[in-house]
């Protein structure tokens, strides 16, 4: 497994843990800007390869997420991916969700590092229909060319411009943008698949981001400067003033409560239950 202090270029000094360094052309990255930021800061392997449950747990703890949230996210992230619906009791134990949605999972079967420890690579998060989904705020859909992991400058600009006051992005701002993105993708992606459950998934993503980077005393709003650092540079916004908070905002109660606030703010935006191309 690659070290979290891997040098970016041959002969260059290795960056210290927590020090930001953009990825090299050979590093792997995911559709998730926060996990990419964790790699860019060396909280998980900088090359995006061989990431173990222990690495993810330490990184998510650094963000201030509670142990219950961390374990739930890691549990889902390390499921194996099947190309066909599995059978047999052992496969039930290896990936219980595969019987309901057999494309749920991102690791290759039996993917392990040199120490025989289960691991994954960041680019595997872009496997369509598992963790990755249509109607990202900053990525194109898989059906629009397969480049669903790379942030798009125009979508990042749209995210930053969604702030109603130019200083903070509020829950209402995020909700308005989510509805706008769905309408955009209805027009742009004829293969669009966005079932009703994804309204809750995407609300949960916003709520978790607000729990880590938002201000709990001001409606979980996030400074635009934080959002720009996270989504444009994939950098933790320490220079802009962010510090790990922890406590109730990063816990189950805080994030779930905020999830429902976000979902309520989004309202009755329609769903698109069209079959999607999950194999890749």
Protein backbone atom coordinates (compact mmCIF):
# COMPACT_ATOMS: atom_id res chain seq x y z
CA UNK A 1 0.00 0.00 0.00
CA UNK A 2 1.27 3.45 -0.80
CA UNK A 3 2.33 5.67 2.06
CA UNK A 4 0.25 8.70 2.99
CA UNK A 5 3.45 10.73 2.75
CA UNK A 6 4.25 9.66 -0.81
CA UNK A 7 6.37 12.20 -2.67
CA UNK A 8 4.67 13.91 -5.56
CA UNK A 9 7.72 13.85 -7.78
CA UNK A 10 10.88 11.79 -7.74
CA UNK A 11 13.51 13.35 -5.51
CA UNK A 12 11.12 15.89 -3.98
CA UNK A 13 10.62 15.90 -0.20
CA UNK A 14 7.54 14.05 0.98
CA UNK A 15 4.77 16.39 2.20
CA UNK A 16 3.88 16.17 5.86
CA UNK A 17 0.62 14.66 7.03
CA UNK A 18 -2.19 17.26 6.85
CA UNK A 19 -0.16 19.32 4.36
CA UNK A 20 -2.10 20.02 1.18
CA UNK A 21 -0.63 18.90 -2.10
CA UNK A 22 -2.58 18.57 -5.37
CA UNK A 23 -2.63 15.11 -6.95
CA UNK A 24 -0.07 14.02 -9.51
CA UNK A 25 -1.22 12.68 -12.90
CA UNK A 26 -0.75 9.11 -11.62
CA UNK A 27 -2.86 9.55 -8.48
CA UNK A 28 -6.41 8.19 -8.39
CA UNK A 29 -9.34 10.35 -7.37
CA UNK A 30 -13.07 9.86 -6.84
CA UNK A 31 -16.35 11.72 -7.47
CA UNK A 32 -16.30 12.79 -3.80
CA UNK A 33 -14.43 16.09 -3.29
CA UNK A 34 -14.15 15.58 0.47
CA UNK A 35 -12.46 12.19 0.15
CA UNK A 36 -10.24 13.66 -2.55
CA UNK A 37 -9.34 16.45 -0.13
CA UNK A 38 -8.47 13.82 2.49
CA UNK A 39 -6.06 12.25 -0.01
CA UNK A 40 -4.61 15.64 -0.95
CA UNK A 41 -3.87 16.23 2.74
CA UNK A 42 -2.43 12.75 3.30
CA UNK A 43 -5.20 11.67 5.66
CA UNK A 44 -5.62 8.63 3.41
CA UNK A 45 -3.01 7.39 0.89
CA UNK A 46 -2.14 10.29 -1.37
CA UNK A 47 -2.08 8.12 -4.48
CA UNK A 48 -5.66 6.99 -3.83
CA UNK A 49 -4.75 3.30 -3.76
CA UNK A 50 -5.00 0.57 -1.14
CA UNK A 51 -7.25 2.49 1.26
CA UNK A 52 -8.18 0.40 4.31
CA UNK A 53 -11.02 0.76 6.80
CA UNK A 54 -8.49 2.06 9.34
CA UNK A 55 -7.37 4.81 6.94
CA UNK A 56 -10.95 5.91 6.31
CA UNK A 57 -11.78 5.86 10.00
CA UNK A 58 -8.84 8.11 10.90
CA UNK A 59 -9.65 10.54 8.07
CA UNK A 60 -13.36 10.79 8.94
CA UNK A 61 -12.46 11.28 12.59
CA UNK A 62 -10.22 14.17 11.55
CA UNK A 63 -13.30 15.72 9.93
CA UNK A 64 -15.23 15.49 13.20
CA UNK A 65 -17.69 12.73 12.32
CA UNK A 66 -18.95 10.51 15.14
CA UNK A 67 -17.99 6.86 15.46
CA UNK A 68 -21.48 5.73 14.42
CA UNK A 69 -21.40 7.82 11.24
CA UNK A 70 -17.83 6.71 10.48
CA UNK A 71 -18.55 3.00 10.89
CA UNK A 72 -21.71 3.21 8.77
CA UNK A 73 -19.93 4.96 5.90
CA UNK A 74 -16.96 2.59 6.02
CA UNK A 75 -19.23 -0.47 6.19
CA UNK A 76 -20.90 0.57 2.94
CA UNK A 77 -17.71 1.67 1.22
CA UNK A 78 -15.98 -1.71 1.60
CA UNK A 79 -18.71 -3.87 0.05
CA UNK A 80 -17.60 -5.93 -2.92
CA UNK A 81 -19.13 -5.36 -6.34
CA UNK A 82 -20.81 -8.16 -8.29
CA UNK A 83 -21.46 -8.27 -12.03
CA UNK A 84 -24.30 -10.73 -11.48
CA UNK A 85 -26.69 -11.28 -8.60
CA UNK A 86 -24.83 -13.42 -6.03
CA UNK A 87 -26.12 -16.57 -4.36
CA UNK A 88 -25.16 -18.51 -1.26
CA UNK A 89 -25.00 -17.69 2.42
CA UNK A 90 -21.35 -16.59 2.33
CA UNK A 91 -22.12 -13.95 -0.26
CA UNK A 92 -25.01 -12.73 1.89
CA UNK A 93 -22.53 -12.16 4.70
CA UNK A 94 -19.97 -10.52 2.40
CA UNK A 95 -22.45 -8.05 0.93
CA UNK A 96 -25.99 -8.28 2.35
CA UNK A 97 -27.19 -5.36 0.21
CA UNK A 98 -26.26 -7.20 -3.00
CA UNK A 99 -29.49 -9.19 -2.83
CA UNK A 100 -31.55 -6.03 -2.98
CA UNK A 101 -29.30 -4.11 -5.35
CA UNK A 102 -26.53 -6.33 -6.66
CA UNK A 103 -24.56 -3.48 -8.20
CA UNK A 104 -24.16 -1.90 -4.76
CA UNK A 105 -20.50 -2.27 -3.93
CA UNK A 106 -17.30 -0.73 -5.22
CA UNK A 107 -14.40 -3.02 -4.26
CA UNK A 108 -13.33 -5.85 -6.52
CA UNK A 109 -14.08 -9.28 -5.09
CA UNK A 110 -11.33 -10.28 -2.62
CA UNK A 111 -9.49 -6.99 -3.18
CA UNK A 112 -6.81 -6.81 -0.47
CA UNK A 113 -3.47 -5.14 0.11
CA UNK A 114 -0.10 -6.83 0.63
CA UNK A 115 -1.00 -7.43 4.29
CA UNK A 116 -4.17 -9.30 3.27
CA UNK A 117 -6.35 -6.42 4.52
CA UNK A 118 -9.48 -5.42 2.62
CA UNK A 119 -8.95 -2.17 0.72
CA UNK A 120 -10.29 -0.03 -2.10
CA UNK A 121 -9.07 2.59 -4.56
CA UNK A 122 -10.57 6.05 -4.85
CA UNK A 123 -11.43 5.71 -8.54
CA UNK A 124 -13.66 2.73 -7.70
CA UNK A 125 -16.13 5.14 -6.09
CA UNK A 126 -17.00 6.28 -9.61
CA UNK A 127 -18.59 2.90 -10.41
CA UNK A 128 -22.03 3.94 -11.48
CA UNK A 129 -25.08 2.96 -9.48
CA UNK A 130 -23.42 2.17 -6.16
CA UNK A 131 -22.25 5.19 -4.18
CA UNK A 132 -21.95 7.37 -7.31
CA UNK A 133 -25.25 8.53 -8.79
CA UNK A 134 -26.72 10.88 -11.36
CA UNK A 135 -27.35 14.60 -10.67
CA UNK A 136 -24.17 15.51 -8.85
CA UNK A 137 -23.77 19.18 -8.00
CA UNK A 138 -20.32 19.37 -9.63
CA UNK A 139 -19.95 16.29 -11.89
CA UNK A 140 -21.57 15.21 -15.16
CA UNK A 141 -23.61 12.02 -15.20
CA UNK A 142 -22.01 8.74 -16.24
CA UNK A 143 -24.15 8.55 -19.38
CA UNK A 144 -22.72 11.90 -20.51
CA UNK A 145 -19.40 10.34 -21.45
CA UNK A 146 -18.38 8.31 -18.40
CA UNK A 147 -16.26 11.09 -16.89
CA UNK A 148 -18.39 11.14 -13.75
CA UNK A 149 -15.50 11.57 -11.32
CA UNK A 150 -14.08 14.86 -12.58
CA UNK A 151 -15.35 18.21 -11.32
CA UNK A 152 -16.59 20.59 -14.02
CA UNK A 153 -15.67 24.27 -13.85
CA UNK A 154 -19.09 25.47 -14.96
CA UNK A 155 -20.86 23.39 -12.30
CA UNK A 156 -18.48 24.57 -9.58
CA UNK A 157 -19.17 28.17 -10.64
CA UNK A 158 -22.90 27.45 -10.48
CA UNK A 159 -22.50 26.01 -6.98
CA UNK A 160 -20.62 29.09 -5.75
CA UNK A 161 -23.14 31.40 -7.39
CA UNK A 162 -26.00 29.61 -5.66
CA UNK A 163 -25.28 31.64 -2.52
CA UNK A 164 -28.09 34.15 -2.03
CA UNK A 165 -25.81 36.68 -0.34
CA UNK A 166 -22.43 35.83 -1.88
CA UNK A 167 -20.97 35.01 1.54
CA UNK A 168 -22.69 31.83 2.77
CA UNK A 169 -24.48 28.91 1.15
CA UNK A 170 -27.54 28.14 3.23
CA UNK A 171 -29.82 25.12 3.41
CA UNK A 172 -32.30 26.96 1.16
CA UNK A 173 -29.51 27.72 -1.34
CA UNK A 174 -28.44 24.07 -1.47
CA UNK A 175 -32.06 22.97 -1.92
CA UNK A 176 -32.63 25.42 -4.76
CA UNK A 177 -29.48 24.21 -6.49
CA UNK A 178 -30.46 20.55 -6.12
CA UNK A 179 -33.78 21.23 -7.85
CA UNK A 180 -32.02 23.22 -10.56
CA UNK A 181 -29.51 20.42 -11.19
CA UNK A 182 -32.29 17.87 -11.52
CA UNK A 183 -34.03 20.00 -14.12
CA UNK A 184 -30.76 20.51 -15.98
CA UNK A 185 -30.09 16.78 -16.10
CA UNK A 186 -33.62 16.01 -17.26
CA UNK A 187 -32.71 18.03 -20.35
CA UNK A 188 -29.09 16.94 -20.75
CA UNK A 189 -29.17 13.22 -19.90
CA UNK A 190 -31.73 11.04 -21.65
CA UNK A 191 -30.46 8.05 -19.63
CA UNK A 192 -31.11 9.87 -16.35
CA UNK A 193 -31.93 7.68 -13.35
CA UNK A 194 -32.87 9.51 -10.15
CA UNK A 195 -35.38 7.48 -8.08
CA UNK A 196 -37.04 8.97 -5.03
CA UNK A 197 -34.57 7.38 -2.61
CA UNK A 198 -31.81 9.53 -4.13
CA UNK A 199 -33.57 12.65 -2.86
CA UNK A 200 -32.78 11.38 0.64
CA UNK A 201 -29.26 10.25 -0.31
CA UNK A 202 -28.37 13.63 -1.78
CA UNK A 203 -30.02 15.46 1.14
CA UNK A 204 -27.85 13.33 3.42
CA UNK A 205 -24.73 14.32 1.49
CA UNK A 206 -25.57 17.99 1.92
CA UNK A 207 -26.40 17.47 5.61
CA UNK A 208 -23.10 15.68 6.27
CA UNK A 209 -21.16 18.45 4.50
CA UNK A 210 -23.01 21.03 6.60
CA UNK A 211 -22.34 19.00 9.74
CA UNK A 212 -18.60 19.06 9.11
CA UNK A 213 -18.13 22.54 7.60
CA UNK A 214 -21.24 24.51 8.53
CA UNK A 215 -22.10 26.80 11.43
CA UNK A 216 -24.58 25.11 13.74
CA UNK A 217 -25.52 28.42 15.33
CA UNK A 218 -26.45 29.91 11.95
CA UNK A 219 -28.59 27.24 10.34
CA UNK A 220 -25.67 25.11 9.17
CA UNK A 221 -24.71 27.64 6.51
CA UNK A 222 -21.26 27.17 4.99
CA UNK A 223 -19.00 30.07 3.93
CA UNK A 224 -18.61 30.30 0.16
CA UNK A 225 -14.85 30.41 0.71
CA UNK A 226 -14.99 26.97 2.36
CA UNK A 227 -17.05 25.56 -0.48
CA UNK A 228 -14.67 26.94 -3.08
CA UNK A 229 -11.65 25.38 -1.35
CA UNK A 230 -13.43 22.03 -1.05
CA UNK A 231 -14.90 21.78 -4.53
CA UNK A 232 -12.47 23.74 -6.71
CA UNK A 233 -9.16 22.84 -5.09
CA UNK A 234 -10.31 19.74 -3.17
CA UNK A 235 -8.59 21.20 -0.13
CA UNK A 236 -9.75 21.37 3.47
CA UNK A 237 -10.50 25.07 4.13
CA UNK A 238 -8.11 25.45 7.06
CA UNK A 239 -6.60 28.67 5.63
CA UNK A 240 -10.11 30.11 5.45
CA UNK A 241 -10.71 29.44 9.14
CA UNK A 242 -12.28 25.96 9.31
CA UNK A 243 -11.50 23.82 12.34
CA UNK A 244 -12.77 20.38 13.25
CA UNK A 245 -15.86 20.70 15.44
CA UNK A 246 -17.11 17.23 16.31
CA UNK A 247 -19.91 17.03 18.86
CA UNK A 248 -23.58 16.87 17.92
CA UNK A 249 -23.18 18.34 14.41
CA UNK A 250 -21.06 15.39 13.29
CA UNK A 251 -23.21 12.80 15.01
CA UNK A 252 -26.19 10.71 13.96
CA UNK A 253 -28.84 12.95 15.55
CA UNK A 254 -27.37 16.16 14.16
CA UNK A 255 -26.86 14.89 10.61
CA UNK A 256 -30.18 13.02 10.38
CA UNK A 257 -32.08 16.05 11.69
CA UNK A 258 -30.35 18.25 9.12
CA UNK A 259 -31.04 15.68 6.40
CA UNK A 260 -34.79 16.10 6.97
CA UNK A 261 -34.45 19.89 6.98
CA UNK A 262 -32.71 19.72 3.61
CA UNK A 263 -35.24 17.23 2.23
CA UNK A 264 -38.11 19.46 3.36
CA UNK A 265 -36.45 22.47 1.74
CA UNK A 266 -36.09 20.58 -1.56
CA UNK A 267 -39.78 19.78 -1.46
CA UNK A 268 -41.61 17.81 -4.11
CA UNK A 269 -38.97 17.75 -6.83
CA UNK A 270 -39.82 14.88 -9.18
CA UNK A 271 -37.99 11.59 -9.54
CA UNK A 272 -36.84 9.77 -12.66
CA UNK A 273 -37.09 6.01 -12.24
CA UNK A 274 -35.57 5.12 -15.59
CA UNK A 275 -33.29 2.07 -15.89
CA UNK A 276 -29.69 3.17 -15.95
CA UNK A 277 -26.48 1.64 -17.30
CA UNK A 278 -24.83 0.37 -14.13
CA UNK A 279 -22.15 -1.87 -15.61
CA UNK A 280 -18.71 -0.37 -15.91
